[in-house]
């Protein structure tokens, strides 16, 4: 997603934190081959959708999951642990 590629995925685990159906990805039902096929066909058949999803996914990931952001979050956690009573 950070590479601005469209993503067809499930909402398993914490994927749903960044993959939102129709906004940043195409979400399909878990362990459902027919729904996966539908999602892939939807992506392959709509270049504009893929471009929009890819751009939105990149923007979302860069804003919340980039290296600098992750390091800042980790630093806050460690500082909080050092300052805790």
N, C-alpha and C. Protein backbone atom coordinates (compact mmCIF):
# COMPACT_ATOMS: atom_id res chain seq x y z
N UNK A 1 0.82 -1.18 0.00
CA UNK A 1 0.00 0.00 0.00
C UNK A 1 0.87 1.25 0.00
N UNK A 2 1.99 1.22 0.69
CA UNK A 2 2.89 2.37 0.71
C UNK A 2 3.50 2.63 -0.66
N UNK A 3 3.50 1.63 -1.52
CA UNK A 3 4.02 1.78 -2.89
C UNK A 3 2.93 2.28 -3.85
N UNK A 4 1.78 2.66 -3.32
CA UNK A 4 0.65 3.18 -4.11
C UNK A 4 0.07 2.14 -5.05
N UNK A 5 0.18 0.88 -4.65
CA UNK A 5 -0.43 -0.18 -5.44
C UNK A 5 -1.80 -0.52 -4.87
N UNK A 6 -2.77 -0.81 -5.73
CA UNK A 6 -4.09 -1.19 -5.21
C UNK A 6 -3.98 -2.53 -4.50
N UNK A 7 -4.79 -2.70 -3.49
CA UNK A 7 -4.71 -3.90 -2.67
C UNK A 7 -6.06 -4.58 -2.58
N UNK A 8 -6.08 -5.89 -2.80
CA UNK A 8 -7.25 -6.73 -2.56
C UNK A 8 -6.89 -7.58 -1.37
N UNK A 9 -7.63 -7.46 -0.28
CA UNK A 9 -7.25 -8.11 0.96
C UNK A 9 -8.48 -8.47 1.78
N UNK A 10 -8.26 -9.11 2.90
CA UNK A 10 -9.33 -9.39 3.86
C UNK A 10 -9.17 -8.43 5.03
N UNK A 11 -10.12 -8.43 5.94
CA UNK A 11 -10.04 -7.59 7.12
C UNK A 11 -9.46 -8.36 8.31
N UNK A 12 -8.79 -9.46 8.05
CA UNK A 12 -8.22 -10.29 9.11
C UNK A 12 -7.18 -9.52 9.92
N UNK A 13 -7.12 -9.82 11.18
CA UNK A 13 -6.13 -9.19 12.04
C UNK A 13 -6.31 -7.68 12.11
N UNK A 14 -5.22 -6.97 12.06
CA UNK A 14 -5.29 -5.51 12.16
C UNK A 14 -5.24 -4.82 10.79
N UNK A 15 -5.42 -5.58 9.73
CA UNK A 15 -5.40 -5.01 8.38
C UNK A 15 -6.45 -3.91 8.26
N UNK A 16 -7.58 -4.08 8.93
CA UNK A 16 -8.65 -3.11 8.87
C UNK A 16 -8.29 -1.73 9.37
N UNK A 17 -7.17 -1.60 10.07
CA UNK A 17 -6.73 -0.29 10.54
C UNK A 17 -6.36 0.63 9.38
N UNK A 18 -5.88 0.07 8.28
CA UNK A 18 -5.48 0.91 7.14
C UNK A 18 -6.20 0.55 5.86
N UNK A 19 -6.66 -0.68 5.76
CA UNK A 19 -7.36 -1.12 4.54
C UNK A 19 -8.86 -0.92 4.75
N UNK A 20 -9.40 0.07 4.05
CA UNK A 20 -10.84 0.36 4.15
C UNK A 20 -11.47 0.13 2.80
N UNK A 21 -12.50 -0.69 2.78
CA UNK A 21 -13.13 -1.09 1.53
C UNK A 21 -13.61 0.11 0.72
N UNK A 22 -13.15 0.18 -0.50
CA UNK A 22 -13.55 1.24 -1.41
C UNK A 22 -12.82 2.55 -1.20
N UNK A 23 -12.07 2.66 -0.12
CA UNK A 23 -11.33 3.89 0.16
C UNK A 23 -9.83 3.70 -0.04
N UNK A 24 -9.27 2.65 0.57
CA UNK A 24 -7.83 2.39 0.43
C UNK A 24 -7.55 0.99 -0.09
N UNK A 25 -8.59 0.18 -0.25
CA UNK A 25 -8.40 -1.21 -0.69
C UNK A 25 -9.75 -1.80 -1.11
N UNK A 26 -9.67 -2.99 -1.65
CA UNK A 26 -10.86 -3.79 -1.89
C UNK A 26 -10.83 -4.91 -0.86
N UNK A 27 -11.82 -4.93 0.01
CA UNK A 27 -11.87 -5.93 1.07
C UNK A 27 -12.76 -7.08 0.62
N UNK A 28 -12.25 -8.29 0.77
CA UNK A 28 -13.02 -9.49 0.44
C UNK A 28 -13.19 -10.33 1.71
N UNK A 29 -14.16 -11.22 1.69
CA UNK A 29 -14.41 -12.07 2.85
C UNK A 29 -13.25 -13.06 3.04
N UNK A 30 -12.93 -13.31 4.28
CA UNK A 30 -11.85 -14.24 4.63
C UNK A 30 -12.19 -15.66 4.20
N UNK A 31 -11.23 -16.33 3.62
CA UNK A 31 -11.36 -17.73 3.20
C UNK A 31 -12.52 -17.95 2.22
N UNK A 32 -12.74 -16.98 1.35
CA UNK A 32 -13.83 -17.06 0.37
C UNK A 32 -13.24 -16.85 -1.02
N UNK A 33 -12.93 -17.97 -1.70
CA UNK A 33 -12.28 -17.90 -3.01
C UNK A 33 -13.12 -17.15 -4.03
N UNK A 34 -14.43 -17.33 -3.99
CA UNK A 34 -15.30 -16.63 -4.94
C UNK A 34 -15.26 -15.12 -4.71
N UNK A 35 -15.21 -14.70 -3.46
CA UNK A 35 -15.15 -13.27 -3.18
C UNK A 35 -13.78 -12.70 -3.54
N UNK A 36 -12.73 -13.49 -3.33
CA UNK A 36 -11.40 -13.07 -3.76
C UNK A 36 -11.37 -12.87 -5.27
N UNK A 37 -11.96 -13.81 -6.00
CA UNK A 37 -12.04 -13.69 -7.46
C UNK A 37 -12.78 -12.41 -7.84
N UNK A 38 -13.90 -12.14 -7.17
CA UNK A 38 -14.67 -10.93 -7.44
C UNK A 38 -13.82 -9.68 -7.22
N UNK A 39 -13.10 -9.64 -6.10
CA UNK A 39 -12.26 -8.49 -5.79
C UNK A 39 -11.15 -8.28 -6.80
N UNK A 40 -10.52 -9.38 -7.20
CA UNK A 40 -9.45 -9.29 -8.20
C UNK A 40 -9.99 -8.84 -9.54
N UNK A 41 -11.13 -9.39 -9.93
CA UNK A 41 -11.73 -8.98 -11.20
C UNK A 41 -12.14 -7.51 -11.17
N UNK A 42 -12.63 -7.06 -10.03
CA UNK A 42 -13.00 -5.66 -9.88
C UNK A 42 -11.76 -4.78 -10.07
N UNK A 43 -10.66 -5.15 -9.45
CA UNK A 43 -9.43 -4.37 -9.57
C UNK A 43 -8.89 -4.41 -11.00
N UNK A 44 -8.84 -5.58 -11.57
CA UNK A 44 -8.30 -5.72 -12.92
C UNK A 44 -9.16 -5.04 -13.97
N UNK A 45 -10.43 -4.86 -13.68
CA UNK A 45 -11.34 -4.28 -14.66
C UNK A 45 -11.55 -2.78 -14.54
N UNK A 46 -10.90 -2.15 -13.57
CA UNK A 46 -11.16 -0.72 -13.34
C UNK A 46 -9.86 0.01 -12.98
N UNK A 47 -9.17 0.50 -14.02
CA UNK A 47 -7.88 1.17 -13.82
C UNK A 47 -8.02 2.43 -12.98
N UNK A 48 -9.10 3.16 -13.15
CA UNK A 48 -9.31 4.40 -12.37
C UNK A 48 -9.49 4.07 -10.89
N UNK A 49 -10.22 3.01 -10.60
CA UNK A 49 -10.40 2.57 -9.21
C UNK A 49 -9.05 2.22 -8.61
N UNK A 50 -8.25 1.47 -9.35
CA UNK A 50 -6.92 1.07 -8.85
C UNK A 50 -6.04 2.27 -8.58
N UNK A 51 -6.09 3.24 -9.48
CA UNK A 51 -5.29 4.45 -9.30
C UNK A 51 -5.73 5.20 -8.04
N UNK A 52 -7.05 5.33 -7.86
CA UNK A 52 -7.59 6.04 -6.70
C UNK A 52 -7.26 5.30 -5.40
N UNK A 53 -7.48 3.98 -5.39
CA UNK A 53 -7.18 3.19 -4.19
C UNK A 53 -5.69 3.24 -3.84
N UNK A 54 -4.85 3.10 -4.87
CA UNK A 54 -3.41 3.13 -4.63
C UNK A 54 -2.95 4.46 -4.06
N UNK A 55 -3.44 5.56 -4.61
CA UNK A 55 -3.05 6.88 -4.12
C UNK A 55 -3.53 7.09 -2.68
N UNK A 56 -4.76 6.70 -2.40
CA UNK A 56 -5.30 6.86 -1.04
C UNK A 56 -4.56 5.97 -0.05
N UNK A 57 -4.22 4.76 -0.48
CA UNK A 57 -3.49 3.84 0.39
C UNK A 57 -2.12 4.41 0.73
N UNK A 58 -1.43 4.93 -0.27
CA UNK A 58 -0.10 5.53 -0.04
C UNK A 58 -0.19 6.68 0.93
N UNK A 59 -1.16 7.55 0.71
CA UNK A 59 -1.32 8.72 1.58
C UNK A 59 -1.60 8.28 3.02
N UNK A 60 -2.49 7.32 3.20
CA UNK A 60 -2.83 6.82 4.53
C UNK A 60 -1.62 6.19 5.21
N UNK A 61 -0.91 5.35 4.47
CA UNK A 61 0.25 4.66 5.05
C UNK A 61 1.39 5.63 5.37
N UNK A 62 1.65 6.55 4.45
CA UNK A 62 2.73 7.51 4.67
C UNK A 62 2.45 8.38 5.89
N UNK A 63 1.18 8.75 6.07
CA UNK A 63 0.82 9.61 7.19
C UNK A 63 0.86 8.90 8.53
N UNK A 64 0.52 7.63 8.55
CA UNK A 64 0.41 6.96 9.85
C UNK A 64 1.36 5.80 10.07
N UNK A 65 2.03 5.32 9.03
CA UNK A 65 2.87 4.14 9.19
C UNK A 65 4.29 4.29 8.66
N UNK A 66 4.68 5.51 8.33
CA UNK A 66 6.04 5.73 7.83
C UNK A 66 7.08 5.49 8.92
N UNK A 67 8.30 5.34 8.52
CA UNK A 67 9.38 5.04 9.47
C UNK A 67 9.49 6.13 10.54
N UNK A 68 9.47 7.39 10.13
CA UNK A 68 9.59 8.48 11.10
C UNK A 68 8.45 8.46 12.11
N UNK A 69 7.24 8.23 11.63
CA UNK A 69 6.08 8.18 12.53
C UNK A 69 6.22 7.02 13.50
N UNK A 70 6.61 5.87 13.01
CA UNK A 70 6.76 4.71 13.88
C UNK A 70 7.86 4.94 14.92
N UNK A 71 8.97 5.54 14.50
CA UNK A 71 10.06 5.82 15.45
C UNK A 71 9.60 6.83 16.51
N UNK A 72 8.86 7.86 16.08
CA UNK A 72 8.33 8.83 17.05
C UNK A 72 7.43 8.15 18.07
N UNK A 73 6.58 7.26 17.61
CA UNK A 73 5.68 6.55 18.52
C UNK A 73 6.46 5.68 19.50
N UNK A 74 7.46 4.97 18.99
CA UNK A 74 8.28 4.11 19.86
C UNK A 74 9.02 4.95 20.89
N UNK A 75 9.55 6.10 20.46
CA UNK A 75 10.27 6.97 21.39
C UNK A 75 9.35 7.44 22.52
N UNK A 76 8.11 7.81 22.18
CA UNK A 76 7.16 8.24 23.21
C UNK A 76 6.89 7.12 24.21
N UNK A 77 6.77 5.90 23.72
CA UNK A 77 6.52 4.77 24.61
C UNK A 77 7.70 4.56 25.55
N UNK A 78 8.92 4.58 25.01
CA UNK A 78 10.09 4.35 25.84
C UNK A 78 10.31 5.50 26.83
N UNK A 79 10.08 6.74 26.40
CA UNK A 79 10.19 7.87 27.32
C UNK A 79 9.16 7.73 28.44
N UNK A 80 7.96 7.34 28.08
CA UNK A 80 6.92 7.15 29.10
C UNK A 80 7.30 6.05 30.08
N UNK A 81 7.91 4.99 29.59
CA UNK A 81 8.32 3.90 30.48
C UNK A 81 9.45 4.35 31.40
N UNK A 82 10.36 5.17 30.92
CA UNK A 82 11.48 5.66 31.74
C UNK A 82 11.02 6.65 32.80
N UNK A 83 9.96 7.39 32.50
CA UNK A 83 9.50 8.43 33.41
C UNK A 83 8.41 7.92 34.35
N UNK A 84 7.93 6.71 34.13
CA UNK A 84 6.85 6.16 34.96
C UNK A 84 7.36 5.89 36.36
N UNK A 85 6.48 6.08 37.31
CA UNK A 85 6.86 5.82 38.74
C UNK A 85 6.92 4.36 39.02
